[in-house]
Structures are given as structure tokens and as C-alpha cells.
Amino acid sequence: MYTTVSSDDIDVSRLREDLMDHFGTATGFFPAATADLTEVQSASVQKLVDIAEDNGFDMRKYLK
């Protein structure tokens, strides 16, 4: 399920950092994850949420 959010709703910096950690770790085992890491670095707030949900992140952790 995709949730529509704004930067007023979630801690964008924390979410982006956690996603970068998630994909950064994966690049050591799966080099193709570099593309995901690059996408996270420049993604909009909504795209970050979509990526996080696709990867099983609990968005409640990032609510302000």
C-alpha cells in the first residue's frame, strides 16, 4: 500500500539515511544495488516513501 505524505509528515532525513544504509550495505553483496542507492540520494519525499514501503520499512518509525 502506498501512502501519500509530505515532509511535514515524516522525518525525511532519517528515512533517506536509513535507506542509504540499507542499499549501501547491499552493494557489497549485490553491486546492482548501487542504482537503488543513487536513486535514494536524489528521490523526492514521495519516492522515498514508495521505495521504503517496497522494501518493507515500517513508515510509522518515521512519523513526526
N, C-alpha and C. Protein backbone atom coordinates (compact mmCIF):
# COMPACT_ATOMS: atom_id res chain seq x y z
N MET A 1 0.85 -1.18 0.00
CA MET A 1 0.00 0.00 0.00
C MET A 1 0.89 1.24 0.00
N TYR A 2 0.62 2.15 -0.88
CA TYR A 2 1.41 3.37 -0.95
C TYR A 2 0.71 4.48 -0.20
N THR A 3 1.48 5.18 0.59
CA THR A 3 0.98 6.26 1.41
C THR A 3 1.43 7.58 0.83
N THR A 4 0.52 8.55 0.73
CA THR A 4 0.88 9.87 0.27
C THR A 4 1.28 10.70 1.48
N VAL A 5 2.47 11.26 1.42
CA VAL A 5 2.99 12.02 2.55
C VAL A 5 3.71 13.27 2.07
N SER A 6 4.00 14.14 3.01
CA SER A 6 4.83 15.31 2.72
C SER A 6 5.94 15.36 3.76
N SER A 7 6.87 16.27 3.56
CA SER A 7 7.98 16.39 4.51
C SER A 7 7.50 16.89 5.88
N ASP A 8 6.27 17.40 5.93
CA ASP A 8 5.70 17.80 7.21
C ASP A 8 5.27 16.59 8.03
N ASP A 9 5.04 15.45 7.34
CA ASP A 9 4.54 14.25 7.99
C ASP A 9 5.63 13.33 8.51
N ILE A 10 6.76 13.28 7.81
CA ILE A 10 7.79 12.31 8.16
C ILE A 10 9.16 12.97 8.31
N ASP A 11 10.04 12.25 8.96
CA ASP A 11 11.42 12.69 9.12
C ASP A 11 12.18 12.23 7.87
N VAL A 12 12.23 13.10 6.88
CA VAL A 12 12.81 12.77 5.58
C VAL A 12 14.30 12.46 5.69
N SER A 13 15.01 13.22 6.47
CA SER A 13 16.46 12.99 6.63
C SER A 13 16.74 11.61 7.19
N ARG A 14 16.00 11.24 8.19
CA ARG A 14 16.19 9.92 8.81
C ARG A 14 15.83 8.80 7.84
N LEU A 15 14.73 8.97 7.11
CA LEU A 15 14.32 7.96 6.15
C LEU A 15 15.36 7.81 5.05
N ARG A 16 15.82 8.92 4.51
CA ARG A 16 16.82 8.87 3.45
C ARG A 16 18.11 8.19 3.96
N GLU A 17 18.53 8.55 5.17
CA GLU A 17 19.73 7.97 5.76
C GLU A 17 19.57 6.45 5.95
N ASP A 18 18.42 6.03 6.45
CA ASP A 18 18.19 4.60 6.66
C ASP A 18 18.14 3.84 5.33
N LEU A 19 17.53 4.43 4.31
CA LEU A 19 17.51 3.79 3.00
C LEU A 19 18.91 3.72 2.39
N MET A 20 19.70 4.76 2.58
CA MET A 20 21.07 4.75 2.07
C MET A 20 21.89 3.68 2.78
N ASP A 21 21.69 3.51 4.09
CA ASP A 21 22.35 2.44 4.82
C ASP A 21 21.92 1.08 4.30
N HIS A 22 20.62 0.94 4.07
CA HIS A 22 20.05 -0.32 3.59
C HIS A 22 20.66 -0.71 2.24
N PHE A 23 20.65 0.19 1.29
CA PHE A 23 21.17 -0.12 -0.04
C PHE A 23 22.69 -0.08 -0.08
N GLY A 24 23.30 0.75 0.76
CA GLY A 24 24.75 0.80 0.81
C GLY A 24 25.34 -0.53 1.28
N THR A 25 24.70 -1.14 2.26
CA THR A 25 25.13 -2.45 2.73
C THR A 25 24.96 -3.49 1.63
N ALA A 26 23.87 -3.41 0.90
CA ALA A 26 23.58 -4.38 -0.16
C ALA A 26 24.59 -4.32 -1.30
N THR A 27 25.19 -3.16 -1.53
CA THR A 27 26.12 -3.04 -2.66
C THR A 27 27.34 -3.95 -2.48
N GLY A 28 27.68 -4.29 -1.26
CA GLY A 28 28.79 -5.19 -1.01
C GLY A 28 28.53 -6.60 -1.50
N PHE A 29 27.25 -6.98 -1.54
CA PHE A 29 26.87 -8.33 -1.94
C PHE A 29 26.19 -8.36 -3.30
N PHE A 30 25.60 -7.25 -3.67
CA PHE A 30 24.81 -7.17 -4.89
C PHE A 30 25.09 -5.82 -5.55
N PRO A 31 26.12 -5.75 -6.39
CA PRO A 31 26.55 -4.47 -6.97
C PRO A 31 25.44 -3.68 -7.68
N ALA A 32 24.42 -4.35 -8.16
CA ALA A 32 23.33 -3.64 -8.83
C ALA A 32 22.56 -2.73 -7.87
N ALA A 33 22.71 -2.95 -6.57
CA ALA A 33 22.05 -2.09 -5.58
C ALA A 33 22.58 -0.66 -5.63
N THR A 34 23.70 -0.46 -6.31
CA THR A 34 24.25 0.89 -6.47
C THR A 34 23.24 1.81 -7.16
N ALA A 35 22.50 1.27 -8.12
CA ALA A 35 21.48 2.06 -8.81
C ALA A 35 20.39 2.49 -7.84
N ASP A 36 20.00 1.60 -6.93
CA ASP A 36 18.99 1.95 -5.92
C ASP A 36 19.53 3.02 -4.98
N LEU A 37 20.78 2.89 -4.60
CA LEU A 37 21.40 3.87 -3.72
C LEU A 37 21.42 5.25 -4.37
N THR A 38 21.78 5.29 -5.63
CA THR A 38 21.80 6.55 -6.38
C THR A 38 20.41 7.17 -6.45
N GLU A 39 19.40 6.33 -6.66
CA GLU A 39 18.02 6.83 -6.73
C GLU A 39 17.59 7.43 -5.39
N VAL A 40 17.94 6.78 -4.30
CA VAL A 40 17.58 7.27 -2.97
C VAL A 40 18.21 8.63 -2.70
N GLN A 41 19.42 8.83 -3.14
CA GLN A 41 20.12 10.09 -2.88
C GLN A 41 19.41 11.30 -3.46
N SER A 42 18.69 11.12 -4.58
CA SER A 42 18.04 12.26 -5.22
C SER A 42 16.51 12.16 -5.27
N ALA A 43 15.94 11.18 -4.59
CA ALA A 43 14.49 10.94 -4.67
C ALA A 43 13.69 12.02 -3.94
N SER A 44 12.50 12.26 -4.46
CA SER A 44 11.54 13.15 -3.79
C SER A 44 11.04 12.46 -2.52
N VAL A 45 10.35 13.20 -1.69
CA VAL A 45 9.79 12.63 -0.46
C VAL A 45 8.88 11.46 -0.79
N GLN A 46 7.99 11.65 -1.75
CA GLN A 46 7.04 10.59 -2.09
C GLN A 46 7.76 9.37 -2.63
N LYS A 47 8.78 9.57 -3.44
CA LYS A 47 9.53 8.44 -4.00
C LYS A 47 10.26 7.69 -2.88
N LEU A 48 10.81 8.42 -1.91
CA LEU A 48 11.45 7.77 -0.77
C LEU A 48 10.48 6.87 -0.02
N VAL A 49 9.28 7.37 0.19
CA VAL A 49 8.26 6.58 0.89
C VAL A 49 7.92 5.33 0.07
N ASP A 50 7.76 5.50 -1.24
CA ASP A 50 7.45 4.36 -2.10
C ASP A 50 8.57 3.31 -2.03
N ILE A 51 9.82 3.75 -2.10
CA ILE A 51 10.96 2.83 -2.04
C ILE A 51 10.98 2.13 -0.68
N ALA A 52 10.78 2.89 0.38
CA ALA A 52 10.79 2.31 1.72
C ALA A 52 9.70 1.25 1.87
N GLU A 53 8.50 1.56 1.42
CA GLU A 53 7.40 0.60 1.53
C GLU A 53 7.68 -0.64 0.68
N ASP A 54 8.25 -0.45 -0.49
CA ASP A 54 8.60 -1.59 -1.36
C ASP A 54 9.63 -2.51 -0.69
N ASN A 55 10.42 -1.95 0.21
CA ASN A 55 11.48 -2.70 0.87
C ASN A 55 11.14 -3.08 2.30
N GLY A 56 9.87 -2.98 2.66
CA GLY A 56 9.40 -3.46 3.95
C GLY A 56 9.65 -2.56 5.14
N PHE A 57 9.98 -1.30 4.90
CA PHE A 57 10.19 -0.37 6.01
C PHE A 57 8.84 -0.04 6.66
N ASP A 58 8.85 0.07 7.98
CA ASP A 58 7.67 0.46 8.74
C ASP A 58 7.66 1.99 8.81
N MET A 59 6.78 2.61 8.05
CA MET A 59 6.76 4.07 7.96
C MET A 59 6.36 4.75 9.26
N ARG A 60 5.73 4.03 10.16
CA ARG A 60 5.37 4.63 11.45
C ARG A 60 6.61 5.09 12.20
N LYS A 61 7.74 4.44 11.95
CA LYS A 61 9.00 4.78 12.59
C LYS A 61 9.47 6.19 12.21
N TYR A 62 8.97 6.70 11.10
CA TYR A 62 9.45 7.99 10.57
C TYR A 62 8.45 9.13 10.71
N LEU A 63 7.31 8.86 11.34
CA LEU A 63 6.32 9.92 11.55
C LEU A 63 6.85 10.94 12.53
N LYS A 64 6.55 12.20 12.25
CA LYS A 64 6.95 13.28 13.17
C LYS A 64 5.97 13.37 14.31
